[in-house]
N, C-alpha and C. Protein backbone atom coordinates (compact mmCIF):
# COMPACT_ATOMS: atom_id res chain seq x y z
N MET A 1 7.60 -15.74 12.88
CA MET A 1 6.66 -14.92 12.16
C MET A 1 6.29 -13.69 12.98
N ALA A 2 6.02 -13.87 14.27
CA ALA A 2 5.65 -12.74 15.12
C ALA A 2 6.78 -11.73 15.18
N LEU A 3 8.02 -12.22 15.23
CA LEU A 3 9.17 -11.31 15.25
C LEU A 3 9.26 -10.52 13.96
N ARG A 4 9.03 -11.18 12.84
CA ARG A 4 9.06 -10.50 11.54
C ARG A 4 7.98 -9.43 11.47
N PHE A 5 6.80 -9.75 11.97
CA PHE A 5 5.69 -8.80 11.98
C PHE A 5 6.03 -7.59 12.86
N LEU A 6 6.55 -7.84 14.06
CA LEU A 6 6.89 -6.74 14.96
C LEU A 6 8.01 -5.88 14.39
N ALA A 7 8.98 -6.50 13.74
CA ALA A 7 10.07 -5.73 13.13
C ALA A 7 9.53 -4.85 12.01
N LEU A 8 8.61 -5.37 11.22
CA LEU A 8 8.03 -4.59 10.13
C LEU A 8 7.22 -3.42 10.68
N ILE A 9 6.42 -3.66 11.69
CA ILE A 9 5.62 -2.59 12.29
C ILE A 9 6.53 -1.52 12.89
N ALA A 10 7.60 -1.93 13.56
CA ALA A 10 8.53 -0.96 14.13
C ALA A 10 9.18 -0.12 13.04
N LEU A 11 9.54 -0.75 11.94
CA LEU A 11 10.14 -0.02 10.83
C LEU A 11 9.16 1.00 10.27
N ILE A 12 7.93 0.58 10.08
CA ILE A 12 6.92 1.47 9.51
C ILE A 12 6.62 2.62 10.45
N LEU A 13 6.47 2.33 11.74
CA LEU A 13 6.16 3.39 12.70
C LEU A 13 7.35 4.34 12.86
N GLY A 14 8.55 3.86 12.64
CA GLY A 14 9.73 4.69 12.78
C GLY A 14 9.97 5.62 11.61
N LEU A 15 9.32 5.38 10.50
CA LEU A 15 9.52 6.23 9.33
C LEU A 15 8.65 7.47 9.42
N ALA A 16 9.22 8.59 9.08
CA ALA A 16 8.42 9.82 8.95
C ALA A 16 7.97 9.86 7.50
N VAL A 17 6.69 9.65 7.30
CA VAL A 17 6.17 9.53 5.94
C VAL A 17 5.71 10.89 5.46
N THR A 18 6.46 11.43 4.51
CA THR A 18 6.06 12.68 3.89
C THR A 18 6.27 12.56 2.40
N ALA A 19 5.23 12.74 1.65
CA ALA A 19 5.32 12.68 0.20
C ALA A 19 5.72 14.04 -0.33
N GLN A 20 6.62 14.05 -1.29
CA GLN A 20 7.02 15.30 -1.90
C GLN A 20 5.88 15.83 -2.74
N ALA A 21 5.78 17.15 -2.81
CA ALA A 21 4.69 17.77 -3.55
C ALA A 21 4.87 17.60 -5.05
N GLN A 22 6.05 17.36 -5.50
CA GLN A 22 6.31 17.26 -6.93
C GLN A 22 5.60 16.05 -7.53
N GLN A 23 5.00 16.27 -8.68
CA GLN A 23 4.33 15.18 -9.40
C GLN A 23 5.37 14.47 -10.27
N PRO A 24 5.54 13.18 -10.09
CA PRO A 24 6.50 12.46 -10.92
C PRO A 24 5.97 12.31 -12.35
N ASP A 25 6.87 12.08 -13.27
CA ASP A 25 6.52 11.90 -14.67
C ASP A 25 6.15 10.42 -14.89
N VAL A 26 4.86 10.12 -14.78
CA VAL A 26 4.36 8.76 -14.94
C VAL A 26 3.29 8.80 -16.03
N SER A 27 3.43 7.93 -17.02
CA SER A 27 2.48 7.94 -18.14
C SER A 27 1.07 7.60 -17.66
N ALA A 28 0.09 7.98 -18.44
CA ALA A 28 -1.30 7.68 -18.12
C ALA A 28 -1.52 6.16 -18.05
N ALA A 29 -0.86 5.42 -18.93
CA ALA A 29 -0.99 3.96 -18.92
C ALA A 29 -0.41 3.37 -17.63
N ASP A 30 0.76 3.88 -17.20
CA ASP A 30 1.35 3.39 -15.96
C ASP A 30 0.48 3.77 -14.75
N GLN A 31 -0.06 4.99 -14.76
CA GLN A 31 -0.96 5.39 -13.66
C GLN A 31 -2.15 4.46 -13.58
N ALA A 32 -2.73 4.13 -14.72
CA ALA A 32 -3.89 3.22 -14.73
C ALA A 32 -3.50 1.84 -14.22
N GLU A 33 -2.33 1.34 -14.62
CA GLU A 33 -1.90 0.02 -14.17
C GLU A 33 -1.63 0.02 -12.67
N ILE A 34 -0.98 1.07 -12.17
CA ILE A 34 -0.70 1.17 -10.73
C ILE A 34 -2.01 1.12 -9.95
N ARG A 35 -2.99 1.88 -10.37
CA ARG A 35 -4.28 1.89 -9.67
C ARG A 35 -4.97 0.54 -9.76
N GLN A 36 -4.86 -0.11 -10.92
CA GLN A 36 -5.49 -1.43 -11.08
C GLN A 36 -4.84 -2.47 -10.17
N ILE A 37 -3.52 -2.43 -10.05
CA ILE A 37 -2.81 -3.39 -9.18
C ILE A 37 -3.25 -3.20 -7.73
N ILE A 38 -3.28 -1.95 -7.28
CA ILE A 38 -3.68 -1.68 -5.89
C ILE A 38 -5.14 -2.08 -5.67
N GLN A 39 -6.02 -1.70 -6.59
CA GLN A 39 -7.44 -2.06 -6.45
C GLN A 39 -7.62 -3.57 -6.44
N SER A 40 -6.88 -4.27 -7.28
CA SER A 40 -6.97 -5.73 -7.32
C SER A 40 -6.52 -6.35 -6.00
N GLN A 41 -5.48 -5.78 -5.38
CA GLN A 41 -5.05 -6.31 -4.10
C GLN A 41 -6.11 -6.07 -3.02
N VAL A 42 -6.70 -4.88 -3.00
CA VAL A 42 -7.75 -4.58 -2.03
C VAL A 42 -8.95 -5.51 -2.25
N ASP A 43 -9.30 -5.74 -3.50
CA ASP A 43 -10.39 -6.68 -3.80
C ASP A 43 -10.06 -8.08 -3.29
N ALA A 44 -8.80 -8.50 -3.44
CA ALA A 44 -8.37 -9.81 -2.94
C ALA A 44 -8.45 -9.85 -1.41
N PHE A 45 -8.08 -8.75 -0.73
CA PHE A 45 -8.22 -8.69 0.73
C PHE A 45 -9.68 -8.88 1.12
N ARG A 46 -10.58 -8.21 0.42
CA ARG A 46 -12.01 -8.31 0.75
C ARG A 46 -12.52 -9.74 0.61
N ARG A 47 -11.94 -10.51 -0.32
CA ARG A 47 -12.34 -11.91 -0.53
C ARG A 47 -11.55 -12.87 0.35
N ASP A 48 -10.60 -12.33 1.13
CA ASP A 48 -9.66 -13.15 1.90
C ASP A 48 -8.89 -14.11 1.00
N ASP A 49 -8.55 -13.65 -0.20
CA ASP A 49 -7.77 -14.43 -1.16
C ASP A 49 -6.29 -14.05 -1.00
N GLY A 50 -5.64 -14.70 -0.03
CA GLY A 50 -4.26 -14.39 0.30
C GLY A 50 -3.30 -14.60 -0.86
N ALA A 51 -3.50 -15.66 -1.62
CA ALA A 51 -2.58 -15.94 -2.74
C ALA A 51 -2.64 -14.81 -3.78
N ALA A 52 -3.84 -14.36 -4.11
CA ALA A 52 -3.97 -13.28 -5.08
C ALA A 52 -3.38 -11.99 -4.52
N ALA A 53 -3.71 -11.64 -3.28
CA ALA A 53 -3.19 -10.40 -2.67
C ALA A 53 -1.67 -10.41 -2.62
N PHE A 54 -1.10 -11.54 -2.24
CA PHE A 54 0.35 -11.69 -2.15
C PHE A 54 0.99 -11.55 -3.53
N GLY A 55 0.30 -11.98 -4.57
CA GLY A 55 0.82 -11.90 -5.93
C GLY A 55 1.00 -10.48 -6.44
N TYR A 56 0.31 -9.50 -5.84
CA TYR A 56 0.45 -8.10 -6.24
C TYR A 56 1.58 -7.40 -5.51
N ALA A 57 2.19 -8.07 -4.54
CA ALA A 57 3.31 -7.51 -3.78
C ALA A 57 4.60 -7.65 -4.58
N SER A 58 5.52 -6.72 -4.34
CA SER A 58 6.82 -6.75 -5.03
C SER A 58 7.63 -7.98 -4.61
N PRO A 59 8.61 -8.34 -5.40
CA PRO A 59 9.49 -9.45 -4.99
C PRO A 59 10.14 -9.21 -3.62
N ALA A 60 10.47 -7.95 -3.29
CA ALA A 60 11.07 -7.66 -1.98
C ALA A 60 10.09 -7.97 -0.85
N ILE A 61 8.83 -7.58 -1.01
CA ILE A 61 7.82 -7.85 0.02
C ILE A 61 7.56 -9.35 0.09
N GLN A 62 7.46 -10.01 -1.05
CA GLN A 62 7.25 -11.46 -1.05
C GLN A 62 8.41 -12.17 -0.36
N GLY A 63 9.63 -11.70 -0.60
CA GLY A 63 10.79 -12.30 0.05
C GLY A 63 10.79 -12.09 1.56
N MET A 64 10.27 -10.96 2.00
CA MET A 64 10.21 -10.65 3.43
C MET A 64 9.26 -11.59 4.16
N PHE A 65 8.14 -11.94 3.52
CA PHE A 65 7.13 -12.76 4.18
C PHE A 65 7.18 -14.22 3.77
N GLY A 66 7.71 -14.52 2.61
CA GLY A 66 7.90 -15.90 2.21
C GLY A 66 6.67 -16.59 1.65
N GLU A 67 5.52 -16.34 2.22
CA GLU A 67 4.30 -16.99 1.74
C GLU A 67 3.07 -16.17 2.10
N ALA A 68 1.98 -16.46 1.44
CA ALA A 68 0.76 -15.65 1.53
C ALA A 68 0.16 -15.60 2.93
N ASN A 69 0.17 -16.69 3.66
CA ASN A 69 -0.48 -16.70 4.98
C ASN A 69 0.18 -15.72 5.95
N SER A 70 1.51 -15.66 5.96
CA SER A 70 2.22 -14.71 6.82
C SER A 70 1.91 -13.28 6.41
N PHE A 71 1.88 -13.04 5.11
CA PHE A 71 1.57 -11.73 4.58
C PHE A 71 0.15 -11.30 5.01
N MET A 72 -0.81 -12.18 4.84
CA MET A 72 -2.19 -11.86 5.18
C MET A 72 -2.36 -11.62 6.68
N GLU A 73 -1.66 -12.37 7.49
CA GLU A 73 -1.75 -12.16 8.94
C GLU A 73 -1.23 -10.78 9.31
N MET A 74 -0.14 -10.35 8.69
CA MET A 74 0.40 -9.01 8.93
C MET A 74 -0.61 -7.95 8.51
N VAL A 75 -1.25 -8.13 7.36
CA VAL A 75 -2.23 -7.16 6.87
C VAL A 75 -3.43 -7.10 7.81
N ARG A 76 -3.93 -8.26 8.22
CA ARG A 76 -5.09 -8.29 9.13
C ARG A 76 -4.80 -7.56 10.44
N GLN A 77 -3.59 -7.74 10.96
CA GLN A 77 -3.25 -7.16 12.26
C GLN A 77 -2.83 -5.70 12.18
N GLY A 78 -2.11 -5.32 11.14
CA GLY A 78 -1.53 -3.99 11.11
C GLY A 78 -2.10 -3.02 10.09
N TYR A 79 -2.96 -3.51 9.19
CA TYR A 79 -3.46 -2.67 8.11
C TYR A 79 -4.96 -2.80 7.92
N ARG A 80 -5.70 -2.77 9.03
CA ARG A 80 -7.16 -2.91 8.96
C ARG A 80 -7.82 -1.96 7.98
N PRO A 81 -7.38 -0.68 7.90
CA PRO A 81 -8.06 0.22 6.97
C PRO A 81 -8.02 -0.25 5.51
N VAL A 82 -6.92 -0.83 5.07
CA VAL A 82 -6.86 -1.30 3.68
C VAL A 82 -7.33 -2.74 3.54
N TYR A 83 -7.35 -3.47 4.64
CA TYR A 83 -7.86 -4.84 4.62
C TYR A 83 -9.38 -4.86 4.49
N ARG A 84 -10.04 -3.95 5.19
CA ARG A 84 -11.50 -3.87 5.15
C ARG A 84 -11.96 -2.41 5.06
N PRO A 85 -11.63 -1.74 3.96
CA PRO A 85 -12.00 -0.33 3.85
C PRO A 85 -13.49 -0.13 3.63
N GLN A 86 -14.02 0.95 4.22
CA GLN A 86 -15.38 1.38 3.90
C GLN A 86 -15.35 2.15 2.58
N THR A 87 -14.36 3.04 2.44
CA THR A 87 -14.16 3.76 1.18
C THR A 87 -12.69 3.70 0.82
N PHE A 88 -12.43 3.80 -0.47
CA PHE A 88 -11.06 3.68 -1.00
C PHE A 88 -11.00 4.54 -2.25
N ASP A 89 -10.48 5.77 -2.11
CA ASP A 89 -10.47 6.74 -3.21
C ASP A 89 -9.06 7.11 -3.61
N PHE A 90 -8.73 6.83 -4.87
CA PHE A 90 -7.40 7.17 -5.38
C PHE A 90 -7.22 8.66 -5.49
N ARG A 91 -6.03 9.11 -5.13
CA ARG A 91 -5.64 10.52 -5.24
C ARG A 91 -4.45 10.59 -6.20
N GLU A 92 -3.57 11.55 -5.99
CA GLU A 92 -2.46 11.75 -6.92
C GLU A 92 -1.34 10.73 -6.71
N ILE A 93 -0.52 10.63 -7.73
CA ILE A 93 0.72 9.86 -7.65
C ILE A 93 1.82 10.84 -7.28
N VAL A 94 2.65 10.47 -6.30
CA VAL A 94 3.69 11.34 -5.77
C VAL A 94 5.02 10.60 -5.75
N THR A 95 6.05 11.30 -5.34
CA THR A 95 7.35 10.68 -5.09
C THR A 95 7.51 10.54 -3.58
N LEU A 96 7.84 9.35 -3.12
CA LEU A 96 8.01 9.07 -1.69
C LEU A 96 9.34 8.37 -1.51
N HIS A 97 10.26 9.03 -0.84
CA HIS A 97 11.60 8.46 -0.61
C HIS A 97 12.21 7.97 -1.92
N GLY A 98 12.03 8.74 -2.98
CA GLY A 98 12.61 8.42 -4.28
C GLY A 98 11.84 7.41 -5.10
N GLU A 99 10.72 6.91 -4.59
CA GLU A 99 9.91 5.93 -5.32
C GLU A 99 8.59 6.56 -5.76
N ILE A 100 8.06 6.05 -6.86
CA ILE A 100 6.71 6.41 -7.29
C ILE A 100 5.76 5.84 -6.25
N ALA A 101 4.80 6.64 -5.80
CA ALA A 101 3.84 6.17 -4.79
C ALA A 101 2.45 6.69 -5.12
N GLN A 102 1.48 5.83 -4.93
CA GLN A 102 0.07 6.19 -5.14
C GLN A 102 -0.54 6.58 -3.80
N LYS A 103 -1.15 7.75 -3.75
CA LYS A 103 -1.85 8.21 -2.56
C LYS A 103 -3.30 7.77 -2.66
N VAL A 104 -3.85 7.28 -1.55
CA VAL A 104 -5.24 6.83 -1.51
C VAL A 104 -5.87 7.33 -0.21
N HIS A 105 -7.06 7.92 -0.32
CA HIS A 105 -7.83 8.30 0.86
C HIS A 105 -8.69 7.09 1.23
N VAL A 106 -8.54 6.63 2.47
CA VAL A 106 -9.22 5.42 2.93
C VAL A 106 -10.01 5.74 4.19
N VAL A 107 -11.21 5.21 4.27
CA VAL A 107 -11.95 5.21 5.53
C VAL A 107 -12.00 3.75 5.96
N GLY A 108 -11.40 3.48 7.12
CA GLY A 108 -11.31 2.12 7.61
C GLY A 108 -12.61 1.60 8.18
N PRO A 109 -12.62 0.36 8.64
CA PRO A 109 -13.84 -0.24 9.17
C PRO A 109 -14.34 0.45 10.44
N ASP A 110 -13.45 1.18 11.12
CA ASP A 110 -13.84 1.91 12.33
C ASP A 110 -14.37 3.31 12.02
N GLY A 111 -14.43 3.68 10.72
CA GLY A 111 -14.94 4.98 10.32
C GLY A 111 -13.90 6.09 10.31
N ARG A 112 -12.66 5.77 10.67
CA ARG A 112 -11.60 6.79 10.71
C ARG A 112 -10.90 6.89 9.36
N PRO A 113 -10.70 8.13 8.89
CA PRO A 113 -9.98 8.32 7.63
C PRO A 113 -8.47 8.23 7.82
N VAL A 114 -7.80 7.69 6.84
CA VAL A 114 -6.33 7.67 6.79
C VAL A 114 -5.91 7.90 5.34
N THR A 115 -4.68 8.33 5.19
CA THR A 115 -4.08 8.38 3.87
C THR A 115 -3.16 7.18 3.76
N ALA A 116 -3.36 6.38 2.73
CA ALA A 116 -2.47 5.24 2.46
C ALA A 116 -1.56 5.65 1.32
N LEU A 117 -0.27 5.44 1.51
CA LEU A 117 0.72 5.68 0.47
C LEU A 117 1.30 4.34 0.06
N TYR A 118 1.19 4.05 -1.22
CA TYR A 118 1.65 2.77 -1.77
C TYR A 118 2.88 3.01 -2.64
N PRO A 119 4.09 2.78 -2.12
CA PRO A 119 5.26 2.83 -2.99
C PRO A 119 5.16 1.69 -4.00
N MET A 120 5.54 1.98 -5.22
CA MET A 120 5.43 0.99 -6.29
C MET A 120 6.81 0.71 -6.87
N THR A 121 6.97 -0.49 -7.40
CA THR A 121 8.20 -0.84 -8.08
C THR A 121 7.84 -1.40 -9.45
N GLN A 122 8.65 -1.03 -10.43
CA GLN A 122 8.41 -1.52 -11.79
C GLN A 122 9.36 -2.68 -12.06
N LEU A 123 8.81 -3.81 -12.45
CA LEU A 123 9.60 -5.00 -12.74
C LEU A 123 10.26 -4.88 -14.11
N PRO A 124 11.28 -5.70 -14.37
CA PRO A 124 11.96 -5.63 -15.67
C PRO A 124 11.04 -5.79 -16.88
N ASP A 125 9.92 -6.49 -16.71
CA ASP A 125 8.99 -6.66 -17.84
C ASP A 125 8.07 -5.45 -18.01
N GLY A 126 8.23 -4.42 -17.15
CA GLY A 126 7.43 -3.21 -17.25
C GLY A 126 6.20 -3.20 -16.37
N SER A 127 5.84 -4.33 -15.77
CA SER A 127 4.66 -4.38 -14.91
C SER A 127 5.00 -3.77 -13.55
N TRP A 128 3.97 -3.38 -12.82
CA TRP A 128 4.12 -2.74 -11.52
C TRP A 128 3.70 -3.67 -10.39
N ARG A 129 4.36 -3.52 -9.23
CA ARG A 129 3.99 -4.26 -8.02
C ARG A 129 4.05 -3.32 -6.83
N ILE A 130 3.31 -3.66 -5.80
CA ILE A 130 3.23 -2.86 -4.57
C ILE A 130 4.45 -3.16 -3.71
N ASN A 131 5.14 -2.10 -3.32
CA ASN A 131 6.38 -2.25 -2.56
C ASN A 131 6.23 -1.76 -1.12
N GLY A 132 5.03 -1.83 -0.58
CA GLY A 132 4.78 -1.41 0.79
C GLY A 132 3.49 -0.62 0.89
N CYS A 133 3.16 -0.23 2.10
CA CYS A 133 2.00 0.61 2.35
C CYS A 133 2.25 1.34 3.66
N TYR A 134 2.13 2.66 3.61
CA TYR A 134 2.30 3.48 4.80
C TYR A 134 0.97 4.17 5.09
N LEU A 135 0.54 4.09 6.32
CA LEU A 135 -0.71 4.73 6.72
C LEU A 135 -0.37 5.96 7.56
N GLN A 136 -1.05 7.05 7.28
CA GLN A 136 -0.83 8.28 8.04
C GLN A 136 -2.15 9.02 8.18
N ALA A 137 -2.17 10.00 9.09
CA ALA A 137 -3.35 10.85 9.23
C ALA A 137 -3.59 11.55 7.90
N PRO A 138 -4.84 11.80 7.57
CA PRO A 138 -5.14 12.43 6.27
C PRO A 138 -4.54 13.82 6.16
N ASP A 139 -4.33 14.24 4.91
CA ASP A 139 -3.73 15.55 4.61
C ASP A 139 -4.76 16.66 4.64
N GLU A 140 -5.54 16.73 5.67
CA GLU A 140 -6.58 17.76 5.74
C GLU A 140 -6.06 18.92 6.56
N HIS A 141 -6.26 20.12 6.04
CA HIS A 141 -5.86 21.32 6.76
C HIS A 141 -7.10 21.94 7.38
N GLN A 142 -7.05 22.18 8.67
CA GLN A 142 -8.20 22.76 9.34
C GLN A 142 -7.92 24.22 9.67
N ALA A 143 -8.92 25.06 9.52
CA ALA A 143 -8.77 26.49 9.80
C ALA A 143 -8.97 26.77 11.27
C-alpha cells in the first residue's frame, strides 16, 4: 500500500498541470452533476465515510486502490486541502489533458489556497465519476 501511495504521489508531482483556456462543450445538466459528485465526495471526506467517498471515484481509481481504506489513507496523507477544506468554491469547467475537468478554489485546513483540478470520466450509463485530483498553486496574477 505504501508503495502504491508513493508511486501515485510521484506521478502527480511529476505532471505539469495546466488547464487549457478553452471551455469544453458540457451541458448545464452535466455541469451540475459533475459539481454534485465532487461536492458529495468532499462531504463524505468530512464525515470520514470512506465507502461513500470511494464510490464517487472512477473505476480506474477504484482499481488502483482496490478498497476504500487504502483510498482514504492516500487522501488523508496527500490531499489535506480537499480532505478538510475550510472553503471549497467551484470555478469553471476546463479541458485538462484531453479530459473534462472541474476547477475548484480550495482553502485547506492550514489556511493556504490551492486550485484543485478534478478530471472527470463519464460512464456508459451517462453518469460522471472523479478520475483524479491535481492540486496546484492558485491562478492568481499579482501586479
